[in-house]
Amino acid sequence: MSRIGRQPIKIPSGVQVTINDKQVIVKGPKGQLQLELHRNVNVKQDGEVLTVTVKNPDLKEQKALWGLSQRLITNLITGVTDGFSRQLEVNGVGYRAEVKGNKLVLAVGYSFPKEYEIPDGVEVKVEKNLITLSGIDKQLVGQVAAEVRKIRKPEPYKGKGIKYVEEVIKRKAGKTAAKGE
């Protein structure tokens, strides 16, 4: 049996969950999200509790879908109540970021500033060298953070680039001059 999949999902007050055939729609104070379920996954609602089941819990593929579906529905509920956020740090001399309209403009060592168009559903704030991305869709926030980081990945010698705040960059020693020849 799936350990994560069998856990019941508690619906907090202020959140409305609608189950239509193979679609779960979650409405909350921050917005609305929906999820298409796999054909082997079922969701039942008992008052303020959701339970996720699969057709055959002995099959390995369906066990994986069971836990995945439970976690995705939990993320929908968390997203519409609290939201998700990721923080990126810009390191380097002269490196900076700013928001202009619906674009994130990054000056990160290229001959011209790089512009990243911010998709709907993601809010971007820049304070000094910190970029904060927030939204209700965990997948979208994570994808945008990965794409922004990809513009200038942190390098291991001086640590310049864009990195996640919690990320640790393994530093390497650079070249050293030959001594006493």
N, C-alpha and C. Protein backbone atom coordinates (compact mmCIF):
# COMPACT_ATOMS: atom_id res chain seq x y z
N MET A 1 0.83 -1.18 0.00
CA MET A 1 0.00 0.00 0.00
C MET A 1 0.88 1.25 0.00
N SER A 2 0.46 2.28 -0.70
CA SER A 2 1.21 3.53 -0.75
C SER A 2 1.09 4.26 0.58
N ARG A 3 2.22 4.62 1.17
CA ARG A 3 2.19 5.28 2.47
C ARG A 3 1.65 6.70 2.35
N ILE A 4 2.05 7.41 1.30
CA ILE A 4 1.58 8.78 1.11
C ILE A 4 0.15 8.77 0.57
N GLY A 5 -0.13 7.88 -0.35
CA GLY A 5 -1.44 7.84 -0.99
C GLY A 5 -2.59 7.55 -0.05
N ARG A 6 -2.34 6.74 0.98
CA ARG A 6 -3.44 6.39 1.88
C ARG A 6 -3.73 7.46 2.92
N GLN A 7 -2.89 8.46 3.03
CA GLN A 7 -3.13 9.53 4.00
C GLN A 7 -4.33 10.38 3.55
N PRO A 8 -5.27 10.64 4.44
CA PRO A 8 -6.42 11.47 4.07
C PRO A 8 -5.99 12.94 3.93
N ILE A 9 -6.67 13.66 3.07
CA ILE A 9 -6.38 15.08 2.86
C ILE A 9 -7.47 15.89 3.55
N LYS A 10 -7.09 16.72 4.50
CA LYS A 10 -8.05 17.56 5.21
C LYS A 10 -8.26 18.85 4.43
N ILE A 11 -9.52 19.22 4.23
CA ILE A 11 -9.86 20.45 3.52
C ILE A 11 -10.04 21.55 4.55
N PRO A 12 -9.20 22.61 4.50
CA PRO A 12 -9.35 23.69 5.47
C PRO A 12 -10.59 24.53 5.20
N SER A 13 -11.01 25.29 6.20
CA SER A 13 -12.18 26.14 6.01
C SER A 13 -11.85 27.24 5.00
N GLY A 14 -12.82 27.59 4.18
CA GLY A 14 -12.60 28.61 3.15
C GLY A 14 -12.17 28.02 1.81
N VAL A 15 -11.99 26.71 1.76
CA VAL A 15 -11.60 26.03 0.52
C VAL A 15 -12.75 25.15 0.05
N GLN A 16 -13.07 25.26 -1.22
CA GLN A 16 -14.15 24.47 -1.80
C GLN A 16 -13.56 23.51 -2.84
N VAL A 17 -13.85 22.23 -2.69
CA VAL A 17 -13.34 21.20 -3.61
C VAL A 17 -14.51 20.60 -4.37
N THR A 18 -14.37 20.56 -5.72
CA THR A 18 -15.39 19.97 -6.58
C THR A 18 -14.74 18.83 -7.36
N ILE A 19 -15.39 17.67 -7.37
CA ILE A 19 -14.87 16.52 -8.11
C ILE A 19 -15.84 16.21 -9.23
N ASN A 20 -15.40 16.37 -10.48
CA ASN A 20 -16.20 16.06 -11.66
C ASN A 20 -15.51 14.93 -12.41
N ASP A 21 -16.06 13.73 -12.34
CA ASP A 21 -15.52 12.57 -13.05
C ASP A 21 -14.03 12.41 -12.74
N LYS A 22 -13.13 12.80 -13.63
CA LYS A 22 -11.68 12.66 -13.43
C LYS A 22 -11.00 14.03 -13.29
N GLN A 23 -11.72 15.01 -12.78
CA GLN A 23 -11.17 16.35 -12.61
C GLN A 23 -11.45 16.86 -11.20
N VAL A 24 -10.41 17.40 -10.56
CA VAL A 24 -10.56 17.98 -9.23
C VAL A 24 -10.35 19.49 -9.36
N ILE A 25 -11.34 20.26 -8.90
CA ILE A 25 -11.27 21.72 -8.95
C ILE A 25 -11.26 22.23 -7.52
N VAL A 26 -10.24 23.05 -7.20
CA VAL A 26 -10.08 23.58 -5.85
C VAL A 26 -10.16 25.10 -5.91
N LYS A 27 -11.10 25.68 -5.13
CA LYS A 27 -11.24 27.13 -5.05
C LYS A 27 -10.93 27.56 -3.63
N GLY A 28 -10.14 28.65 -3.53
CA GLY A 28 -9.78 29.16 -2.21
C GLY A 28 -9.63 30.65 -2.23
N PRO A 29 -9.14 31.22 -1.13
CA PRO A 29 -9.02 32.67 -1.04
C PRO A 29 -8.04 33.28 -2.05
N LYS A 30 -7.04 32.53 -2.49
CA LYS A 30 -6.05 33.08 -3.43
C LYS A 30 -6.36 32.79 -4.89
N GLY A 31 -7.32 31.92 -5.18
CA GLY A 31 -7.65 31.63 -6.57
C GLY A 31 -8.21 30.23 -6.76
N GLN A 32 -8.12 29.75 -8.00
CA GLN A 32 -8.69 28.45 -8.35
C GLN A 32 -7.66 27.66 -9.15
N LEU A 33 -7.56 26.36 -8.84
CA LEU A 33 -6.68 25.44 -9.55
C LEU A 33 -7.45 24.17 -9.88
N GLN A 34 -7.01 23.47 -10.93
CA GLN A 34 -7.65 22.21 -11.28
C GLN A 34 -6.61 21.18 -11.67
N LEU A 35 -7.01 19.91 -11.57
CA LEU A 35 -6.11 18.79 -11.85
C LEU A 35 -6.89 17.70 -12.56
N GLU A 36 -6.33 17.20 -13.65
CA GLU A 36 -6.88 16.05 -14.37
C GLU A 36 -6.28 14.79 -13.75
N LEU A 37 -7.12 13.87 -13.32
CA LEU A 37 -6.65 12.63 -12.70
C LEU A 37 -6.42 11.55 -13.75
N HIS A 38 -5.52 10.63 -13.43
CA HIS A 38 -5.26 9.46 -14.27
C HIS A 38 -6.50 8.56 -14.22
N ARG A 39 -6.69 7.76 -15.26
CA ARG A 39 -7.90 6.92 -15.33
C ARG A 39 -7.97 5.87 -14.23
N ASN A 40 -6.83 5.50 -13.64
CA ASN A 40 -6.82 4.49 -12.58
C ASN A 40 -6.93 5.07 -11.17
N VAL A 41 -7.04 6.40 -11.06
CA VAL A 41 -7.09 7.05 -9.75
C VAL A 41 -8.50 7.58 -9.48
N ASN A 42 -8.99 7.37 -8.26
CA ASN A 42 -10.30 7.87 -7.85
C ASN A 42 -10.15 8.73 -6.60
N VAL A 43 -10.99 9.76 -6.49
CA VAL A 43 -11.00 10.63 -5.32
C VAL A 43 -12.41 10.67 -4.77
N LYS A 44 -12.54 10.48 -3.44
CA LYS A 44 -13.84 10.56 -2.80
C LYS A 44 -13.80 11.63 -1.72
N GLN A 45 -14.91 12.34 -1.57
CA GLN A 45 -14.99 13.39 -0.57
C GLN A 45 -16.00 12.98 0.51
N ASP A 46 -15.55 13.00 1.77
CA ASP A 46 -16.40 12.74 2.92
C ASP A 46 -16.36 13.97 3.81
N GLY A 47 -17.27 14.87 3.62
CA GLY A 47 -17.29 16.10 4.42
C GLY A 47 -16.07 16.95 4.16
N GLU A 48 -15.20 17.07 5.17
CA GLU A 48 -13.99 17.88 5.06
C GLU A 48 -12.73 17.04 4.82
N VAL A 49 -12.90 15.81 4.32
CA VAL A 49 -11.76 14.92 4.10
C VAL A 49 -11.85 14.32 2.70
N LEU A 50 -10.71 14.33 2.00
CA LEU A 50 -10.61 13.67 0.69
C LEU A 50 -9.77 12.41 0.85
N THR A 51 -10.19 11.33 0.18
CA THR A 51 -9.38 10.11 0.15
C THR A 51 -9.11 9.74 -1.30
N VAL A 52 -7.87 9.35 -1.55
CA VAL A 52 -7.44 8.97 -2.90
C VAL A 52 -7.27 7.46 -2.92
N THR A 53 -7.82 6.81 -3.96
CA THR A 53 -7.66 5.37 -4.13
C THR A 53 -7.28 5.06 -5.57
N VAL A 54 -6.77 3.84 -5.78
CA VAL A 54 -6.47 3.37 -7.14
C VAL A 54 -7.22 2.06 -7.37
N LYS A 55 -7.34 1.68 -8.64
CA LYS A 55 -8.10 0.47 -8.97
C LYS A 55 -7.42 -0.78 -8.44
N ASN A 56 -6.09 -0.91 -8.64
CA ASN A 56 -5.37 -2.10 -8.20
C ASN A 56 -4.12 -1.67 -7.42
N PRO A 57 -4.19 -1.64 -6.09
CA PRO A 57 -3.05 -1.15 -5.31
C PRO A 57 -1.84 -2.08 -5.28
N ASP A 58 -1.92 -3.26 -5.90
CA ASP A 58 -0.80 -4.18 -5.93
C ASP A 58 0.18 -3.89 -7.06
N LEU A 59 -0.28 -3.17 -8.09
CA LEU A 59 0.60 -2.86 -9.22
C LEU A 59 1.52 -1.68 -8.87
N LYS A 60 2.79 -1.82 -9.22
CA LYS A 60 3.79 -0.81 -8.88
C LYS A 60 3.46 0.56 -9.50
N GLU A 61 3.04 0.57 -10.76
CA GLU A 61 2.71 1.82 -11.45
C GLU A 61 1.56 2.54 -10.75
N GLN A 62 0.56 1.78 -10.32
CA GLN A 62 -0.60 2.40 -9.67
C GLN A 62 -0.27 2.86 -8.25
N LYS A 63 0.66 2.18 -7.58
CA LYS A 63 1.11 2.66 -6.27
C LYS A 63 1.76 4.03 -6.42
N ALA A 64 2.57 4.18 -7.46
CA ALA A 64 3.24 5.45 -7.70
C ALA A 64 2.22 6.55 -8.03
N LEU A 65 1.22 6.22 -8.84
CA LEU A 65 0.17 7.19 -9.18
C LEU A 65 -0.64 7.57 -7.94
N TRP A 66 -0.81 6.64 -7.04
CA TRP A 66 -1.58 6.87 -5.83
C TRP A 66 -0.93 7.97 -4.99
N GLY A 67 0.34 7.80 -4.69
CA GLY A 67 1.06 8.81 -3.90
C GLY A 67 1.18 10.13 -4.63
N LEU A 68 1.46 10.07 -5.94
CA LEU A 68 1.59 11.28 -6.74
C LEU A 68 0.29 12.08 -6.74
N SER A 69 -0.82 11.41 -6.97
CA SER A 69 -2.11 12.10 -7.02
C SER A 69 -2.46 12.72 -5.68
N GLN A 70 -2.18 12.01 -4.60
CA GLN A 70 -2.46 12.54 -3.27
C GLN A 70 -1.65 13.81 -3.04
N ARG A 71 -0.37 13.80 -3.41
CA ARG A 71 0.51 14.94 -3.21
C ARG A 71 0.09 16.12 -4.10
N LEU A 72 -0.30 15.85 -5.34
CA LEU A 72 -0.73 16.93 -6.25
C LEU A 72 -1.98 17.62 -5.72
N ILE A 73 -2.93 16.85 -5.19
CA ILE A 73 -4.15 17.45 -4.64
C ILE A 73 -3.82 18.26 -3.38
N THR A 74 -2.90 17.74 -2.55
CA THR A 74 -2.47 18.48 -1.37
C THR A 74 -1.82 19.81 -1.77
N ASN A 75 -1.02 19.78 -2.85
CA ASN A 75 -0.39 21.01 -3.33
C ASN A 75 -1.41 22.01 -3.86
N LEU A 76 -2.49 21.52 -4.47
CA LEU A 76 -3.55 22.42 -4.94
C LEU A 76 -4.17 23.15 -3.75
N ILE A 77 -4.47 22.41 -2.69
CA ILE A 77 -5.10 23.00 -1.51
C ILE A 77 -4.15 23.98 -0.83
N THR A 78 -2.87 23.61 -0.71
CA THR A 78 -1.89 24.51 -0.11
C THR A 78 -1.73 25.78 -0.95
N GLY A 79 -1.74 25.62 -2.27
CA GLY A 79 -1.57 26.75 -3.17
C GLY A 79 -2.67 27.78 -3.06
N VAL A 80 -3.93 27.34 -2.98
CA VAL A 80 -5.04 28.30 -2.93
C VAL A 80 -5.22 28.90 -1.53
N THR A 81 -4.58 28.30 -0.51
CA THR A 81 -4.68 28.88 0.83
C THR A 81 -3.45 29.73 1.16
N ASP A 82 -2.25 29.17 1.03
CA ASP A 82 -1.02 29.88 1.42
C ASP A 82 -0.21 30.37 0.22
N GLY A 83 -0.20 29.62 -0.87
CA GLY A 83 0.63 29.95 -2.02
C GLY A 83 2.03 29.37 -1.84
N PHE A 84 2.84 29.51 -2.89
CA PHE A 84 4.21 28.99 -2.88
C PHE A 84 5.15 30.11 -3.30
N SER A 85 6.40 30.03 -2.85
CA SER A 85 7.38 31.03 -3.28
C SER A 85 8.77 30.40 -3.34
N ARG A 86 9.59 30.96 -4.21
CA ARG A 86 11.00 30.57 -4.34
C ARG A 86 11.81 31.84 -4.34
N GLN A 87 13.00 31.80 -3.75
CA GLN A 87 13.87 32.96 -3.75
C GLN A 87 15.16 32.64 -4.48
N LEU A 88 15.57 33.58 -5.33
CA LEU A 88 16.82 33.47 -6.06
C LEU A 88 17.73 34.60 -5.63
N GLU A 89 19.02 34.34 -5.63
CA GLU A 89 20.01 35.34 -5.23
C GLU A 89 20.90 35.64 -6.42
N VAL A 90 21.11 36.93 -6.71
CA VAL A 90 21.97 37.36 -7.82
C VAL A 90 23.31 37.76 -7.22
N ASN A 91 24.39 37.06 -7.58
CA ASN A 91 25.74 37.34 -7.07
C ASN A 91 26.66 37.74 -8.20
N GLY A 92 27.44 38.79 -7.99
CA GLY A 92 28.41 39.23 -8.98
C GLY A 92 28.52 40.74 -8.98
N VAL A 93 29.71 41.24 -9.31
CA VAL A 93 29.92 42.67 -9.36
C VAL A 93 29.16 43.24 -10.55
N GLY A 94 28.28 44.20 -10.29
CA GLY A 94 27.49 44.81 -11.36
C GLY A 94 26.27 44.01 -11.77
N TYR A 95 26.06 42.86 -11.17
CA TYR A 95 24.89 42.05 -11.50
C TYR A 95 23.68 42.62 -10.76
N ARG A 96 22.58 42.79 -11.46
CA ARG A 96 21.37 43.31 -10.82
C ARG A 96 20.14 42.83 -11.57
N ALA A 97 19.01 42.97 -10.91
CA ALA A 97 17.73 42.57 -11.49
C ALA A 97 16.69 43.63 -11.18
N GLU A 98 15.72 43.80 -12.08
CA GLU A 98 14.61 44.71 -11.84
C GLU A 98 13.41 44.26 -12.64
N VAL A 99 12.23 44.67 -12.17
CA VAL A 99 10.99 44.32 -12.85
C VAL A 99 10.50 45.55 -13.60
N LYS A 100 10.25 45.38 -14.90
CA LYS A 100 9.69 46.46 -15.73
C LYS A 100 8.44 45.91 -16.40
N GLY A 101 7.29 46.35 -15.91
CA GLY A 101 6.02 45.85 -16.46
C GLY A 101 5.87 44.37 -16.15
N ASN A 102 5.71 43.56 -17.20
CA ASN A 102 5.60 42.11 -16.99
C ASN A 102 6.89 41.40 -17.42
N LYS A 103 8.03 42.11 -17.34
CA LYS A 103 9.32 41.51 -17.68
C LYS A 103 10.30 41.67 -16.53
N LEU A 104 11.11 40.64 -16.36
CA LEU A 104 12.21 40.67 -15.40
C LEU A 104 13.47 40.97 -16.20
N VAL A 105 14.12 42.10 -15.92
CA VAL A 105 15.31 42.51 -16.66
C VAL A 105 16.53 42.19 -15.80
N LEU A 106 17.43 41.38 -16.36
CA LEU A 106 18.62 40.93 -15.63
C LEU A 106 19.88 41.42 -16.31
N ALA A 107 20.70 42.15 -15.57
CA ALA A 107 22.03 42.55 -16.04
C ALA A 107 23.01 41.62 -15.34
N VAL A 108 23.43 40.56 -16.03
CA VAL A 108 24.24 39.52 -15.40
C VAL A 108 25.48 39.18 -16.21
N GLY A 109 26.20 40.23 -16.65
CA GLY A 109 27.49 40.00 -17.28
C GLY A 109 27.48 39.83 -18.77
N TYR A 110 26.34 39.89 -19.42
CA TYR A 110 26.30 39.83 -20.87
C TYR A 110 26.43 41.25 -21.42
N SER A 111 26.65 41.39 -22.72
CA SER A 111 26.83 42.71 -23.31
C SER A 111 25.53 43.52 -23.33
N PHE A 112 24.42 42.86 -23.13
CA PHE A 112 23.12 43.54 -23.07
C PHE A 112 22.28 42.85 -22.00
N PRO A 113 21.31 43.58 -21.41
CA PRO A 113 20.48 42.96 -20.37
C PRO A 113 19.57 41.88 -20.94
N LYS A 114 19.41 40.81 -20.20
CA LYS A 114 18.50 39.72 -20.60
C LYS A 114 17.12 40.02 -20.04
N GLU A 115 16.09 39.81 -20.86
CA GLU A 115 14.71 40.02 -20.43
C GLU A 115 13.99 38.69 -20.36
N TYR A 116 13.27 38.47 -19.27
CA TYR A 116 12.47 37.26 -19.11
C TYR A 116 11.03 37.68 -18.91
N GLU A 117 10.14 37.21 -19.77
CA GLU A 117 8.72 37.56 -19.66
C GLU A 117 8.07 36.73 -18.55
N ILE A 118 7.46 37.42 -17.61
CA ILE A 118 6.85 36.77 -16.45
C ILE A 118 5.48 36.23 -16.86
N PRO A 119 5.24 34.91 -16.71
CA PRO A 119 3.94 34.36 -17.09
C PRO A 119 2.84 34.76 -16.10
N ASP A 120 1.59 34.68 -16.54
CA ASP A 120 0.46 34.95 -15.66
C ASP A 120 0.45 33.92 -14.54
N GLY A 121 0.10 34.36 -13.35
CA GLY A 121 0.04 33.45 -12.20
C GLY A 121 1.29 33.48 -11.35
N VAL A 122 2.32 34.23 -11.77
CA VAL A 122 3.54 34.35 -10.99
C VAL A 122 3.80 35.82 -10.71
N GLU A 123 4.08 36.13 -9.45
CA GLU A 123 4.39 37.49 -9.05
C GLU A 123 5.87 37.57 -8.71
N VAL A 124 6.55 38.61 -9.21
CA VAL A 124 7.99 38.75 -9.00
C VAL A 124 8.27 40.03 -8.23
N LYS A 125 9.09 39.92 -7.18
CA LYS A 125 9.55 41.09 -6.42
C LYS A 125 11.07 41.04 -6.35
N VAL A 126 11.70 42.21 -6.50
CA VAL A 126 13.16 42.28 -6.43
C VAL A 126 13.54 43.25 -5.33
N GLU A 127 14.36 42.80 -4.40
CA GLU A 127 14.90 43.63 -3.33
C GLU A 127 16.41 43.41 -3.28
N LYS A 128 17.17 44.44 -3.59
CA LYS A 128 18.63 44.39 -3.67
C LYS A 128 19.05 43.25 -4.61
N ASN A 129 19.62 42.19 -4.05
CA ASN A 129 20.06 41.09 -4.91
C ASN A 129 19.19 39.84 -4.77
N LEU A 130 17.98 39.98 -4.18
CA LEU A 130 17.07 38.85 -4.01
C LEU A 130 15.87 38.98 -4.94
N ILE A 131 15.59 37.90 -5.67
CA ILE A 131 14.40 37.83 -6.53
C ILE A 131 13.44 36.85 -5.86
N THR A 132 12.21 37.32 -5.55
CA THR A 132 11.22 36.46 -4.91
C THR A 132 10.11 36.18 -5.91
N LEU A 133 9.89 34.90 -6.22
CA LEU A 133 8.83 34.47 -7.13
C LEU A 133 7.74 33.83 -6.28
N SER A 134 6.49 34.23 -6.49
CA SER A 134 5.40 33.64 -5.72
C SER A 134 4.18 33.44 -6.59
N GLY A 135 3.35 32.47 -6.22
CA GLY A 135 2.14 32.16 -6.96
C GLY A 135 1.41 31.01 -6.29
N ILE A 136 0.27 30.62 -6.88
CA ILE A 136 -0.52 29.54 -6.28
C ILE A 136 -0.19 28.18 -6.89
N ASP A 137 0.42 28.14 -8.05
CA ASP A 137 0.75 26.88 -8.73
C ASP A 137 2.21 26.52 -8.46
N LYS A 138 2.44 25.48 -7.67
CA LYS A 138 3.80 25.09 -7.28
C LYS A 138 4.66 24.74 -8.50
N GLN A 139 4.09 24.04 -9.45
CA GLN A 139 4.85 23.65 -10.64
C GLN A 139 5.27 24.86 -11.44
N LEU A 140 4.38 25.82 -11.63
CA LEU A 140 4.69 27.02 -12.41
C LEU A 140 5.74 27.88 -11.72
N VAL A 141 5.64 28.06 -10.41
CA VAL A 141 6.62 28.85 -9.68
C VAL A 141 8.00 28.20 -9.78
N GLY A 142 8.07 26.89 -9.61
CA GLY A 142 9.34 26.17 -9.71
C GLY A 142 9.93 26.23 -11.11
N GLN A 143 9.08 26.14 -12.14
CA GLN A 143 9.54 26.20 -13.52
C GLN A 143 10.11 27.58 -13.85
N VAL A 144 9.43 28.63 -13.42
CA VAL A 144 9.91 30.00 -13.66
C VAL A 144 11.23 30.22 -12.95
N ALA A 145 11.36 29.74 -11.71
CA ALA A 145 12.61 29.88 -10.96
C ALA A 145 13.75 29.17 -11.69
N ALA A 146 13.50 27.99 -12.22
CA ALA A 146 14.53 27.24 -12.95
C ALA A 146 14.93 27.97 -14.23
N GLU A 147 13.96 28.56 -14.94
CA GLU A 147 14.27 29.28 -16.17
C GLU A 147 15.06 30.55 -15.90
N VAL A 148 14.74 31.26 -14.82
CA VAL A 148 15.49 32.48 -14.48
C VAL A 148 16.91 32.09 -14.08
N ARG A 149 17.07 31.04 -13.30
CA ARG A 149 18.40 30.58 -12.89
C ARG A 149 19.24 30.17 -14.09
N LYS A 150 18.59 29.61 -15.09
CA LYS A 150 19.28 29.12 -16.29
C LYS A 150 19.90 30.26 -17.11
N ILE A 151 19.41 31.49 -16.95
CA ILE A 151 19.94 32.63 -17.69
C ILE A 151 21.42 32.84 -17.38
N ARG A 152 21.81 32.70 -16.10
CA ARG A 152 23.23 32.76 -15.72
C ARG A 152 23.43 31.85 -14.52
N LYS A 153 23.78 30.59 -14.80
CA LYS A 153 24.00 29.63 -13.72
C LYS A 153 25.21 30.05 -12.89
N PRO A 154 25.22 29.74 -11.60
CA PRO A 154 26.37 30.10 -10.78
C PRO A 154 27.60 29.28 -11.18
N GLU A 155 28.74 29.97 -11.23
CA GLU A 155 29.97 29.26 -11.60
C GLU A 155 30.77 28.93 -10.35
N PRO A 156 31.57 27.87 -10.37
CA PRO A 156 32.20 27.37 -9.14
C PRO A 156 33.45 28.12 -8.69
N TYR A 157 34.02 29.02 -9.49
CA TYR A 157 35.28 29.66 -9.13
C TYR A 157 35.07 30.91 -8.28
N LYS A 158 34.19 31.81 -8.70
CA LYS A 158 33.92 33.03 -7.93
C LYS A 158 32.50 33.04 -7.36
N GLY A 159 31.65 32.12 -7.80
CA GLY A 159 30.28 32.05 -7.30
C GLY A 159 29.35 33.05 -7.96
N LYS A 160 29.77 33.64 -9.08
CA LYS A 160 28.93 34.62 -9.77
C LYS A 160 27.79 33.92 -10.50
N GLY A 161 26.63 34.56 -10.53
CA GLY A 161 25.48 34.00 -11.24
C GLY A 161 24.21 34.11 -10.42
N ILE A 162 23.19 33.39 -10.86
CA ILE A 162 21.90 33.37 -10.17
C ILE A 162 21.72 32.00 -9.54
N LYS A 163 21.49 31.99 -8.23
CA LYS A 163 21.33 30.71 -7.53
C LYS A 163 20.14 30.77 -6.60
N TYR A 164 19.63 29.59 -6.21
CA TYR A 164 18.59 29.53 -5.20
C TYR A 164 19.20 29.96 -3.86
N VAL A 165 18.42 30.58 -2.99
CA VAL A 165 18.94 31.06 -1.71
C VAL A 165 19.48 29.89 -0.88
N GLU A 166 18.78 28.75 -0.90
CA GLU A 166 19.21 27.62 -0.08
C GLU A 166 20.27 26.76 -0.75
N GLU A 167 20.64 27.07 -1.99
CA GLU A 167 21.61 26.29 -2.76
C GLU A 167 23.03 26.57 -2.28
N VAL A 168 23.85 25.54 -2.20
CA VAL A 168 25.25 25.68 -1.82
C VAL A 168 26.10 25.37 -3.06
N ILE A 169 26.95 26.32 -3.43
CA ILE A 169 27.81 26.14 -4.59
C ILE A 169 29.16 25.61 -4.11
N LYS A 170 29.56 24.46 -4.62
CA LYS A 170 30.87 23.92 -4.28
C LYS A 170 31.92 24.75 -4.99
N ARG A 171 32.81 25.34 -4.23
CA ARG A 171 33.82 26.21 -4.80
C ARG A 171 35.05 25.41 -5.20
N LYS A 172 35.68 25.84 -6.31
CA LYS A 172 36.89 25.19 -6.80
C LYS A 172 38.05 26.18 -6.69
N ALA A 173 39.24 25.64 -6.54
CA ALA A 173 40.43 26.50 -6.55
C ALA A 173 40.79 26.82 -7.99
N GLY A 174 41.17 28.03 -8.25
CA GLY A 174 41.54 28.43 -9.61
C GLY A 174 42.98 28.03 -9.91
N LYS A 175 43.47 28.49 -11.04
CA LYS A 175 44.87 28.20 -11.40
C LYS A 175 45.80 28.93 -10.44
N THR A 176 46.93 28.31 -10.18
CA THR A 176 47.93 28.97 -9.33
C THR A 176 49.23 29.05 -10.12
N ALA A 177 50.00 30.07 -9.82
CA ALA A 177 51.27 30.26 -10.55
C ALA A 177 52.28 29.21 -10.10
N ALA A 178 53.15 28.78 -11.04
CA ALA A 178 54.17 27.80 -10.72
C ALA A 178 55.21 28.47 -9.83
N LYS A 179 55.66 27.76 -8.79
CA LYS A 179 56.58 28.36 -7.83
C LYS A 179 57.99 27.82 -8.00
N GLY A 180 58.97 28.74 -7.93
CA GLY A 180 60.40 28.43 -7.83
C GLY A 180 61.01 27.62 -8.97
N GLU A 181 60.75 27.93 -10.19
CA GLU A 181 61.43 27.20 -11.27
C GLU A 181 62.67 27.87 -11.69
